[in-house]
Amino acid sequence: MKALITTQVYENYAWREDGTMGTGPDSWWKPKGGDEYVVLNVDQDEVFEILEKVCHQIERNDDYIQESIIDLRIVEDDYLTEFERDQLEYDGKIEFPAKVIEWAR
């Protein structure tokens, strides 16, 4: 089994070209999609342990970007993400697989 972790990314649209941060209506975070990560060789009962050990490798929160984990599922080893399946269907190969996160038990 493997853990499939899905994230949501937000980009700060308050930064101006001169490097200053705007305020008011020009200060907002725009959703920019997200990423998918996999953690290999896991068991169903390790979900919380996995999150605790790998979230620092995935999540980001600074003045420019916020990336947060929004979903974690345990899936079969041969599971392909929607993006991986689309690549196979349209390109015949997976050039951009889900990112693999290492963790130690």
PDB file of N, CA and C in Angstrom:
ATOM      1  N   MET A   1       0.838  -1.176   0.000  1.00  0.00           N
ATOM      2  CA  MET A   1       0.000   0.000   0.000  1.00  0.00           C
ATOM      3  C   MET A   1       0.893   1.253   0.000  1.00  0.00           C
ATOM      4  N   LYS A   2       0.294   2.347  -0.447  1.00  0.00           N
ATOM      5  CA  LYS A   2       1.007   3.619  -0.398  1.00  0.00           C
ATOM      6  C   LYS A   2       0.031   4.703   0.030  1.00  0.00           C
ATOM      7  N   ALA A   3       0.586   5.752   0.601  1.00  0.00           N
ATOM      8  CA  ALA A   3      -0.227   6.899   0.999  1.00  0.00           C
ATOM      9  C   ALA A   3      -0.203   7.904  -0.141  1.00  0.00           C
ATOM     10  N   LEU A   4      -1.367   8.420  -0.484  1.00  0.00           N
ATOM     11  CA  LEU A   4      -1.494   9.466  -1.491  1.00  0.00           C
ATOM     12  C   LEU A   4      -1.873  10.753  -0.765  1.00  0.00           C
ATOM     13  N   ILE A   5      -1.010  11.745  -0.868  1.00  0.00           N
ATOM     14  CA  ILE A   5      -1.217  13.025  -0.195  1.00  0.00           C
ATOM     15  C   ILE A   5      -1.502  14.084  -1.252  1.00  0.00           C
ATOM     16  N   THR A   6      -2.598  14.826  -1.070  1.00  0.00           N
ATOM     17  CA  THR A   6      -2.982  15.888  -1.986  1.00  0.00           C
ATOM     18  C   THR A   6      -2.861  17.222  -1.269  1.00  0.00           C
ATOM     19  N   THR A   7      -2.358  18.234  -1.988  1.00  0.00           N
ATOM     20  CA  THR A   7      -2.183  19.552  -1.379  1.00  0.00           C
ATOM     21  C   THR A   7      -2.951  20.617  -2.156  1.00  0.00           C
ATOM     22  N   GLN A   8      -3.127  21.757  -1.516  1.00  0.00           N
ATOM     23  CA  GLN A   8      -3.674  22.953  -2.150  1.00  0.00           C
ATOM     24  C   GLN A   8      -2.610  24.035  -2.034  1.00  0.00           C
ATOM     25  N   VAL A   9      -2.348  24.711  -3.139  1.00  0.00           N
ATOM     26  CA  VAL A   9      -1.355  25.781  -3.182  1.00  0.00           C
ATOM     27  C   VAL A   9      -2.064  27.117  -3.389  1.00  0.00           C
ATOM     28  N   TYR A  10      -1.625  28.119  -2.642  1.00  0.00           N
ATOM     29  CA  TYR A  10      -2.098  29.492  -2.809  1.00  0.00           C
ATOM     30  C   TYR A  10      -0.895  30.385  -3.066  1.00  0.00           C
ATOM     31  N   GLU A  11      -1.052  31.316  -3.987  1.00  0.00           N
ATOM     32  CA  GLU A  11       0.004  32.275  -4.299  1.00  0.00           C
ATOM     33  C   GLU A  11      -0.426  33.657  -3.814  1.00  0.00           C
ATOM     34  N   ASN A  12       0.504  34.355  -3.192  1.00  0.00           N
ATOM     35  CA  ASN A  12       0.214  35.686  -2.656  1.00  0.00           C
ATOM     36  C   ASN A  12       0.197  36.702  -3.794  1.00  0.00           C
ATOM     37  N   TYR A  13      -0.943  37.312  -4.011  1.00  0.00           N
ATOM     38  CA  TYR A  13      -1.078  38.334  -5.041  1.00  0.00           C
ATOM     39  C   TYR A  13      -0.991  39.733  -4.460  1.00  0.00           C
ATOM     40  N   ALA A  14      -0.462  39.859  -3.260  1.00  0.00           N
ATOM     41  CA  ALA A  14      -0.307  41.170  -2.651  1.00  0.00           C
ATOM     42  C   ALA A  14       1.061  41.788  -2.940  1.00  0.00           C
ATOM     43  N   TRP A  15       2.003  40.965  -3.419  1.00  0.00           N
ATOM     44  CA  TRP A  15       3.340  41.479  -3.679  1.00  0.00           C
ATOM     45  C   TRP A  15       3.362  42.281  -4.971  1.00  0.00           C
ATOM     46  N   ARG A  16       3.980  43.430  -4.888  1.00  0.00           N
ATOM     47  CA  ARG A  16       4.097  44.297  -6.063  1.00  0.00           C
ATOM     48  C   ARG A  16       5.459  44.077  -6.712  1.00  0.00           C
ATOM     49  N   GLU A  17       5.596  44.560  -7.923  1.00  0.00           N
ATOM     50  CA  GLU A  17       6.851  44.392  -8.648  1.00  0.00           C
ATOM     51  C   GLU A  17       8.033  45.048  -7.941  1.00  0.00           C
ATOM     52  N   ASP A  18       7.779  46.078  -7.153  1.00  0.00           N
ATOM     53  CA  ASP A  18       8.876  46.739  -6.445  1.00  0.00           C
ATOM     54  C   ASP A  18       9.274  46.012  -5.162  1.00  0.00           C
ATOM     55  N   GLY A  19       8.631  44.857  -4.893  1.00  0.00           N
ATOM     56  CA  GLY A  19       9.000  44.053  -3.728  1.00  0.00           C
ATOM     57  C   GLY A  19       8.245  44.397  -2.464  1.00  0.00           C
ATOM     58  N   THR A  20       7.334  45.360  -2.518  1.00  0.00           N
ATOM     59  CA  THR A  20       6.544  45.696  -1.338  1.00  0.00           C
ATOM     60  C   THR A  20       5.237  44.921  -1.351  1.00  0.00           C
ATOM     61  N   MET A  21       4.666  44.782  -0.183  1.00  0.00           N
ATOM     62  CA  MET A  21       3.406  44.061  -0.081  1.00  0.00           C
ATOM     63  C   MET A  21       2.261  45.058  -0.080  1.00  0.00           C
ATOM     64  N   GLY A  22       1.268  44.795  -0.925  1.00  0.00           N
ATOM     65  CA  GLY A  22       0.096  45.655  -0.968  1.00  0.00           C
ATOM     66  C   GLY A  22      -0.831  45.378   0.195  1.00  0.00           C
ATOM     67  N   THR A  23      -1.753  46.253   0.408  1.00  0.00           N
ATOM     68  CA  THR A  23      -2.773  46.077   1.440  1.00  0.00           C
ATOM     69  C   THR A  23      -4.130  46.359   0.828  1.00  0.00           C
ATOM     70  N   GLY A  24      -5.165  46.002   1.539  1.00  0.00           N
ATOM     71  CA  GLY A  24      -6.515  46.268   1.052  1.00  0.00           C
ATOM     72  C   GLY A  24      -6.919  45.339  -0.067  1.00  0.00           C
ATOM     73  N   PRO A  25      -7.659  45.873  -1.055  1.00  0.00           N
ATOM     74  CA  PRO A  25      -8.216  45.027  -2.107  1.00  0.00           C
ATOM     75  C   PRO A  25      -7.165  44.310  -2.964  1.00  0.00           C
ATOM     76  N   ASP A  26      -5.944  44.853  -3.025  1.00  0.00           N
ATOM     77  CA  ASP A  26      -4.921  44.191  -3.840  1.00  0.00           C
ATOM     78  C   ASP A  26      -4.130  43.162  -3.037  1.00  0.00           C
ATOM     79  N   SER A  27      -4.609  42.821  -1.850  1.00  0.00           N
ATOM     80  CA  SER A  27      -3.933  41.850  -0.989  1.00  0.00           C
ATOM     81  C   SER A  27      -4.808  40.607  -0.861  1.00  0.00           C
ATOM     82  N   TRP A  28      -4.433  39.540  -1.600  1.00  0.00           N
ATOM     83  CA  TRP A  28      -5.221  38.314  -1.536  1.00  0.00           C
ATOM     84  C   TRP A  28      -4.388  37.116  -1.959  1.00  0.00           C
ATOM     85  N   TRP A  29      -4.853  35.934  -1.568  1.00  0.00           N
ATOM     86  CA  TRP A  29      -4.197  34.675  -1.901  1.00  0.00           C
ATOM     87  C   TRP A  29      -5.012  33.980  -2.981  1.00  0.00           C
ATOM     88  N   LYS A  30      -4.397  33.679  -4.111  1.00  0.00           N
ATOM     89  CA  LYS A  30      -5.091  33.047  -5.236  1.00  0.00           C
ATOM     90  C   LYS A  30      -4.819  31.546  -5.235  1.00  0.00           C
ATOM     91  N   PRO A  31      -5.875  30.719  -5.268  1.00  0.00           N
ATOM     92  CA  PRO A  31      -5.677  29.271  -5.375  1.00  0.00           C
ATOM     93  C   PRO A  31      -4.995  28.923  -6.697  1.00  0.00           C
ATOM     94  N   LYS A  32      -3.985  28.079  -6.629  1.00  0.00           N
ATOM     95  CA  LYS A  32      -3.205  27.716  -7.820  1.00  0.00           C
ATOM     96  C   LYS A  32      -3.160  26.209  -8.042  1.00  0.00           C
ATOM     97  N   GLY A  33      -4.164  25.496  -7.611  1.00  0.00           N
ATOM     98  CA  GLY A  33      -4.124  24.047  -7.759  1.00  0.00           C
ATOM     99  C   GLY A  33      -3.372  23.416  -6.610  1.00  0.00           C
ATOM    100  N   GLY A  34      -2.660  22.356  -6.880  1.00  0.00           N
ATOM    101  CA  GLY A  34      -1.914  21.680  -5.838  1.00  0.00           C
ATOM    102  C   GLY A  34      -1.049  20.588  -6.433  1.00  0.00           C
ATOM    103  N   ASP A  35      -0.508  19.764  -5.568  1.00  0.00           N
ATOM    104  CA  ASP A  35       0.354  18.668  -5.990  1.00  0.00           C
ATOM    105  C   ASP A  35      -0.117  17.375  -5.343  1.00  0.00           C
ATOM    106  N   GLU A  36       0.427  16.279  -5.858  1.00  0.00           N
ATOM    107  CA  GLU A  36       0.167  14.971  -5.282  1.00  0.00           C
ATOM    108  C   GLU A  36       1.500  14.317  -4.950  1.00  0.00           C
ATOM    109  N   TYR A  37       1.564  13.741  -3.773  1.00  0.00           N
ATOM    110  CA  TYR A  37       2.759  13.080  -3.278  1.00  0.00           C
ATOM    111  C   TYR A  37       2.387  11.671  -2.873  1.00  0.00           C
ATOM    112  N   VAL A  38       3.342  10.754  -2.953  1.00  0.00           N
ATOM    113  CA  VAL A  38       3.111   9.395  -2.468  1.00  0.00           C
ATOM    114  C   VAL A  38       4.191   9.022  -1.460  1.00  0.00           C
ATOM    115  N   VAL A  39       3.782   8.249  -0.482  1.00  0.00           N
ATOM    116  CA  VAL A  39       4.682   7.661   0.503  1.00  0.00           C
ATOM    117  C   VAL A  39       4.527   6.153   0.332  1.00  0.00           C
ATOM    118  N   LEU A  40       5.615   5.479   0.011  1.00  0.00           N
ATOM    119  CA  LEU A  40       5.576   4.052  -0.312  1.00  0.00           C
ATOM    120  C   LEU A  40       5.640   3.176   0.929  1.00  0.00           C
ATOM    121  N   ASN A  41       5.140   1.956   0.790  1.00  0.00           N
ATOM    122  CA  ASN A  41       5.242   0.910   1.816  1.00  0.00           C
ATOM    123  C   ASN A  41       4.641   1.329   3.149  1.00  0.00           C
ATOM    124  N   VAL A  42       3.359   1.615   3.153  1.00  0.00           N
ATOM    125  CA  VAL A  42       2.678   2.019   4.383  1.00  0.00           C
ATOM    126  C   VAL A  42       1.513   1.078   4.664  1.00  0.00           C
ATOM    127  N   ASP A  43       1.062   1.108   5.899  1.00  0.00           N
ATOM    128  CA  ASP A  43      -0.113   0.359   6.327  1.00  0.00           C
ATOM    129  C   ASP A  43      -1.204   1.354   6.714  1.00  0.00           C
ATOM    130  N   GLN A  44      -2.449   0.895   6.661  1.00  0.00           N
ATOM    131  CA  GLN A  44      -3.600   1.734   6.983  1.00  0.00           C
ATOM    132  C   GLN A  44      -3.470   2.377   8.362  1.00  0.00           C
ATOM    133  N   ASP A  45      -2.933   1.650   9.326  1.00  0.00           N
ATOM    134  CA  ASP A  45      -2.858   2.172  10.691  1.00  0.00           C
ATOM    135  C   ASP A  45      -1.715   3.169  10.904  1.00  0.00           C
ATOM    136  N   GLU A  46      -0.978   3.491   9.864  1.00  0.00           N
ATOM    137  CA  GLU A  46       0.141   4.431   9.987  1.00  0.00           C
ATOM    138  C   GLU A  46      -0.191   5.837   9.497  1.00  0.00           C
ATOM    139  N   VAL A  47      -1.452   6.113   9.187  1.00  0.00           N
ATOM    140  CA  VAL A  47      -1.840   7.380   8.569  1.00  0.00           C
ATOM    141  C   VAL A  47      -1.372   8.577   9.391  1.00  0.00           C
ATOM    142  N   PHE A  48      -1.676   8.620  10.675  1.00  0.00           N
ATOM    143  CA  PHE A  48      -1.312   9.776  11.489  1.00  0.00           C
ATOM    144  C   PHE A  48       0.197   9.886  11.684  1.00  0.00           C
ATOM    145  N   GLU A  49       0.863   8.752  11.806  1.00  0.00           N
ATOM    146  CA  GLU A  49       2.317   8.746  11.920  1.00  0.00           C
ATOM    147  C   GLU A  49       2.964   9.300  10.650  1.00  0.00           C
ATOM    148  N   ILE A  50       2.422   8.922   9.509  1.00  0.00           N
ATOM    149  CA  ILE A  50       2.932   9.421   8.233  1.00  0.00           C
ATOM    150  C   ILE A  50       2.797  10.938   8.171  1.00  0.00           C
ATOM    151  N   LEU A  51       1.596  11.427   8.470  1.00  0.00           N
ATOM    152  CA  LEU A  51       1.370  12.881   8.427  1.00  0.00           C
ATOM    153  C   LEU A  51       2.345  13.626   9.330  1.00  0.00           C
ATOM    154  N   GLU A  52       2.513  13.119  10.529  1.00  0.00           N
ATOM    155  CA  GLU A  52       3.407  13.764  11.489  1.00  0.00           C
ATOM    156  C   GLU A  52       4.845  13.825  10.984  1.00  0.00           C
ATOM    157  N   LYS A  53       5.285  12.766  10.307  1.00  0.00           N
ATOM    158  CA  LYS A  53       6.681  12.691   9.886  1.00  0.00           C
ATOM    159  C   LYS A  53       6.976  13.344   8.546  1.00  0.00           C
ATOM    160  N   VAL A  54       5.981  13.503   7.672  1.00  0.00           N
ATOM    161  CA  VAL A  54       6.279  14.036   6.335  1.00  0.00           C
ATOM    162  C   VAL A  54       5.703  15.419   6.065  1.00  0.00           C
ATOM    163  N   CYS A  55       4.827  15.918   6.918  1.00  0.00           N
ATOM    164  CA  CYS A  55       4.187  17.205   6.612  1.00  0.00           C
ATOM    165  C   CYS A  55       5.212  18.324   6.466  1.00  0.00           C
ATOM    166  N   HIS A  56       6.302  18.299   7.210  1.00  0.00           N
ATOM    167  CA  HIS A  56       7.319  19.349   7.091  1.00  0.00           C
ATOM    168  C   HIS A  56       8.042  19.309   5.746  1.00  0.00           C
ATOM    169  N   GLN A  57       8.005  18.152   5.062  1.00  0.00           N
ATOM    170  CA  GLN A  57       8.621  18.044   3.742  1.00  0.00           C
ATOM    171  C   GLN A  57       7.704  18.579   2.645  1.00  0.00           C
ATOM    172  N   ILE A  58       6.428  18.747   2.961  1.00  0.00           N
ATOM    173  CA  ILE A  58       5.435  19.113   1.955  1.00  0.00           C
ATOM    174  C   ILE A  58       4.891  20.525   2.174  1.00  0.00           C
ATOM    175  N   GLU A  59       4.424  20.787   3.377  1.00  0.00           N
ATOM    176  CA  GLU A  59       3.751  22.053   3.630  1.00  0.00           C
ATOM    177  C   GLU A  59       4.719  23.229   3.623  1.00  0.00           C
ATOM    178  N   ARG A  60       4.206  24.346   3.152  1.00  0.00           N
ATOM    179  CA  ARG A  60       5.013  25.568   3.057  1.00  0.00           C
ATOM    180  C   ARG A  60       4.113  26.750   3.378  1.00  0.00           C
ATOM    181  N   ASN A  61       4.649  27.696   4.126  1.00  0.00           N
ATOM    182  CA  ASN A  61       3.871  28.886   4.467  1.00  0.00           C
ATOM    183  C   ASN A  61       4.836  30.052   4.639  1.00  0.00           C
ATOM    184  N   ASP A  62       4.950  30.849   3.589  1.00  0.00           N
ATOM    185  CA  ASP A  62       5.800  32.026   3.672  1.00  0.00           C
ATOM    186  C   ASP A  62       5.069  33.211   3.037  1.00  0.00           C
ATOM    187  N   ASP A  63       5.767  34.292   2.802  1.00  0.00           N
ATOM    188  CA  ASP A  63       5.128  35.491   2.266  1.00  0.00           C
ATOM    189  C   ASP A  63       4.635  35.326   0.834  1.00  0.00           C
ATOM    190  N   TYR A  64       5.126  34.317   0.127  1.00  0.00           N
ATOM    191  CA  TYR A  64       4.817  34.180  -1.294  1.00  0.00           C
ATOM    192  C   TYR A  64       3.873  33.022  -1.615  1.00  0.00           C
ATOM    193  N   ILE A  65       4.073  31.886  -0.950  1.00  0.00           N
ATOM    194  CA  ILE A  65       3.345  30.651  -1.267  1.00  0.00           C
ATOM    195  C   ILE A  65       2.855  29.986   0.020  1.00  0.00           C
ATOM    196  N   GLN A  66       1.662  29.428  -0.051  1.00  0.00           N
ATOM    197  CA  GLN A  66       1.158  28.560   1.009  1.00  0.00           C
ATOM    198  C   GLN A  66       0.780  27.237   0.353  1.00  0.00           C
ATOM    199  N   GLU A  67       1.294  26.135   0.898  1.00  0.00           N
ATOM    200  CA  GLU A  67       0.909  24.810   0.430  1.00  0.00           C
ATOM    201  C   GLU A  67       0.518  23.991   1.648  1.00  0.00           C
ATOM    202  N   SER A  68      -0.698  23.459   1.626  1.00  0.00           N
ATOM    203  CA  SER A  68      -1.229  22.714   2.759  1.00  0.00           C
ATOM    204  C   SER A  68      -1.761  21.365   2.314  1.00  0.00           C
ATOM    205  N   ILE A  69      -1.623  20.380   3.173  1.00  0.00           N
ATOM    206  CA  ILE A  69      -2.191  19.059   2.910  1.00  0.00           C
ATOM    207  C   ILE A  69      -3.699  19.150   3.099  1.00  0.00           C
ATOM    208  N   ILE A  70      -4.450  18.694   2.081  1.00  0.00           N
ATOM    209  CA  ILE A  70      -5.910  18.716   2.178  1.00  0.00           C
ATOM    210  C   ILE A  70      -6.517  17.312   2.157  1.00  0.00           C
ATOM    211  N   ASP A  71      -5.718  16.300   1.799  1.00  0.00           N
ATOM    212  CA  ASP A  71      -6.253  14.941   1.758  1.00  0.00           C
ATOM    213  C   ASP A  71      -5.117  13.936   1.888  1.00  0.00           C
ATOM    214  N   LEU A  72      -5.404  12.835   2.560  1.00  0.00           N
ATOM    215  CA  LEU A  72      -4.461  11.718   2.676  1.00  0.00           C
ATOM    216  C   LEU A  72      -5.277  10.447   2.583  1.00  0.00           C
ATOM    217  N   ARG A  73      -4.912   9.588   1.642  1.00  0.00           N
ATOM    218  CA  ARG A  73      -5.599   8.313   1.456  1.00  0.00           C
ATOM    219  C   ARG A  73      -4.578   7.202   1.336  1.00  0.00           C
ATOM    220  N   ILE A  74      -4.949   6.024   1.784  1.00  0.00           N
ATOM    221  CA  ILE A  74      -4.139   4.830   1.572  1.00  0.00           C
ATOM    222  C   ILE A  74      -4.704   4.140   0.334  1.00  0.00           C
ATOM    223  N   VAL A  75      -3.831   3.897  -0.653  1.00  0.00           N
ATOM    224  CA  VAL A  75      -4.259   3.308  -1.932  1.00  0.00           C
ATOM    225  C   VAL A  75      -3.367   2.110  -2.252  1.00  0.00           C
ATOM    226  N   GLU A  76      -3.790   1.340  -3.232  1.00  0.00           N
ATOM    227  CA  GLU A  76      -3.006   0.187  -3.677  1.00  0.00           C
ATOM    228  C   GLU A  76      -1.697   0.650  -4.312  1.00  0.00           C
ATOM    229  N   ASP A  77      -0.695  -0.217  -4.295  1.00  0.00           N
ATOM    230  CA  ASP A  77       0.619   0.125  -4.856  1.00  0.00           C
ATOM    231  C   ASP A  77       0.557   0.495  -6.331  1.00  0.00           C
ATOM    232  N   ASP A  78      -0.383  -0.080  -7.064  1.00  0.00           N
ATOM    233  CA  ASP A  78      -0.463   0.204  -8.500  1.00  0.00           C
ATOM    234  C   ASP A  78      -1.386   1.384  -8.832  1.00  0.00           C
ATOM    235  N   TYR A  79      -1.877   2.080  -7.820  1.00  0.00           N
ATOM    236  CA  TYR A  79      -2.777   3.220  -8.035  1.00  0.00           C
ATOM    237  C   TYR A  79      -2.048   4.337  -8.786  1.00  0.00           C
ATOM    238  N   LEU A  80      -2.716   4.897  -9.777  1.00  0.00           N
ATOM    239  CA  LEU A  80      -2.196   6.045 -10.509  1.00  0.00           C
ATOM    240  C   LEU A  80      -3.084   7.245 -10.232  1.00  0.00           C
ATOM    241  N   THR A  81      -2.467   8.399 -10.060  1.00  0.00           N
ATOM    242  CA  THR A  81      -3.241   9.617  -9.862  1.00  0.00           C
ATOM    243  C   THR A  81      -3.964   9.962 -11.168  1.00  0.00           C
ATOM    244  N   GLU A  82      -4.923  10.858 -11.082  1.00  0.00           N
ATOM    245  CA  GLU A  82      -5.640  11.275 -12.289  1.00  0.00           C
ATOM    246  C   GLU A  82      -4.675  11.866 -13.321  1.00  0.00           C
ATOM    247  N   PHE A  83      -3.711  12.656 -12.859  1.00  0.00           N
ATOM    248  CA  PHE A  83      -2.735  13.258 -13.768  1.00  0.00           C
ATOM    249  C   PHE A  83      -1.870  12.186 -14.436  1.00  0.00           C
ATOM    250  N   GLU A  84      -1.475  11.165 -13.673  1.00  0.00           N
ATOM    251  CA  GLU A  84      -0.688  10.067 -14.246  1.00  0.00           C
ATOM    252  C   GLU A  84      -1.511   9.292 -15.281  1.00  0.00           C
ATOM    253  N   ARG A  85      -2.780   9.032 -14.969  1.00  0.00           N
ATOM    254  CA  ARG A  85      -3.651   8.328 -15.924  1.00  0.00           C
ATOM    255  C   ARG A  85      -3.836   9.147 -17.199  1.00  0.00           C
ATOM    256  N   ASP A  86      -4.006  10.462 -17.053  1.00  0.00           N
ATOM    257  CA  ASP A  86      -4.150  11.324 -18.228  1.00  0.00           C
ATOM    258  C   ASP A  86      -2.897  11.288 -19.104  1.00  0.00           C
ATOM    259  N   GLN A  87      -1.729  11.289 -18.477  1.00  0.00           N
ATOM    260  CA  GLN A  87      -0.490  11.222 -19.246  1.00  0.00           C
ATOM    261  C   GLN A  87      -0.407   9.926 -20.045  1.00  0.00           C
ATOM    262  N   LEU A  88      -0.778   8.814 -19.407  1.00  0.00           N
ATOM    263  CA  LEU A  88      -0.769   7.536 -20.115  1.00  0.00           C
ATOM    264  C   LEU A  88      -1.741   7.548 -21.291  1.00  0.00           C
ATOM    265  N   GLU A  89      -2.926   8.094 -21.051  1.00  0.00           N
ATOM    266  CA  GLU A  89      -3.941   8.114 -22.099  1.00  0.00           C
ATOM    267  C   GLU A  89      -3.530   8.986 -23.280  1.00  0.00           C
ATOM    268  N   TYR A  90      -3.003  10.177 -23.013  1.00  0.00           N
ATOM    269  CA  TYR A  90      -2.724  11.128 -24.084  1.00  0.00           C
ATOM    270  C   TYR A  90      -1.302  11.047 -24.644  1.00  0.00           C
ATOM    271  N   ASP A  91      -0.339  10.665 -23.796  1.00  0.00           N
ATOM    272  CA  ASP A  91       1.060  10.646 -24.229  1.00  0.00           C
ATOM    273  C   ASP A  91       1.654   9.240 -24.319  1.00  0.00           C
ATOM    274  N   GLY A  92       0.958   8.258 -23.764  1.00  0.00           N
ATOM    275  CA  GLY A  92       1.448   6.893 -23.801  1.00  0.00           C
ATOM    276  C   GLY A  92       2.502   6.578 -22.760  1.00  0.00           C
ATOM    277  N   LYS A  93       2.856   7.553 -21.920  1.00  0.00           N
ATOM    278  CA  LYS A  93       3.842   7.339 -20.853  1.00  0.00           C
ATOM    279  C   LYS A  93       3.663   8.404 -19.781  1.00  0.00           C
ATOM    280  N   ILE A  94       4.208   8.118 -18.608  1.00  0.00           N
ATOM    281  CA  ILE A  94       4.147   9.059 -17.493  1.00  0.00           C
ATOM    282  C   ILE A  94       5.484   9.776 -17.395  1.00  0.00           C
ATOM    283  N   GLU A  95       5.494  11.028 -17.752  1.00  0.00           N
ATOM    284  CA  GLU A  95       6.723  11.833 -17.660  1.00  0.00           C
ATOM    285  C   GLU A  95       6.812  12.583 -16.337  1.00  0.00           C
ATOM    286  N   PHE A  96       5.659  12.836 -15.703  1.00  0.00           N
ATOM    287  CA  PHE A  96       5.621  13.609 -14.467  1.00  0.00           C
ATOM    288  C   PHE A  96       4.841  12.838 -13.410  1.00  0.00           C
ATOM    289  N   PRO A  97       5.495  11.848 -12.778  1.00  0.00           N
ATOM    290  CA  PRO A  97       4.806  11.061 -11.753  1.00  0.00           C
ATOM    291  C   PRO A  97       4.607  11.874 -10.466  1.00  0.00           C
ATOM    292  N   ALA A  98       3.728  11.379  -9.612  1.00  0.00           N
ATOM    293  CA  ALA A  98       3.563  11.987  -8.294  1.00  0.00           C
ATOM    294  C   ALA A  98       4.910  11.955  -7.577  1.00  0.00           C
ATOM    295  N   LYS A  99       5.162  12.978  -6.783  1.00  0.00           N
ATOM    296  CA  LYS A  99       6.439  13.070  -6.070  1.00  0.00           C
ATOM    297  C   LYS A  99       6.464  12.053  -4.927  1.00  0.00           C
ATOM    298  N   VAL A 100       7.579  11.351  -4.790  1.00  0.00           N
ATOM    299  CA  VAL A 100       7.733  10.357  -3.732  1.00  0.00           C
ATOM    300  C   VAL A 100       8.394  11.014  -2.526  1.00  0.00           C
ATOM    301  N   ILE A 101       7.761  10.843  -1.368  1.00  0.00           N
ATOM    302  CA  ILE A 101       8.285  11.381  -0.107  1.00  0.00           C
ATOM    303  C   ILE A 101       8.857  10.225   0.692  1.00  0.00           C
ATOM    304  N   GLU A 102      10.062  10.394   1.177  1.00  0.00           N
ATOM    305  CA  GLU A 102      10.718   9.367   1.999  1.00  0.00           C
ATOM    306  C   GLU A 102      10.316   9.570   3.450  1.00  0.00           C
ATOM    307  N   TRP A 103      10.166   8.459   4.163  1.00  0.00           N
ATOM    308  CA  TRP A 103       9.903   8.542   5.599  1.00  0.00           C
ATOM    309  C   TRP A 103      10.496   7.331   6.286  1.00  0.00           C
ATOM    310  N   ALA A 104      10.848   7.515   7.531  1.00  0.00           N
ATOM    311  CA  ALA A 104      11.425   6.431   8.319  1.00  0.00           C
ATOM    312  C   ALA A 104      10.456   6.040   9.424  1.00  0.00           C
ATOM    313  N   ARG A 105      10.292   4.764   9.565  1.00  0.00           N
ATOM    314  CA  ARG A 105       9.389   4.266  10.616  1.00  0.00           C
ATOM    315  C   ARG A 105      10.015   4.456  11.973  1.00  0.00           C
TER     316      ARG A 105
END
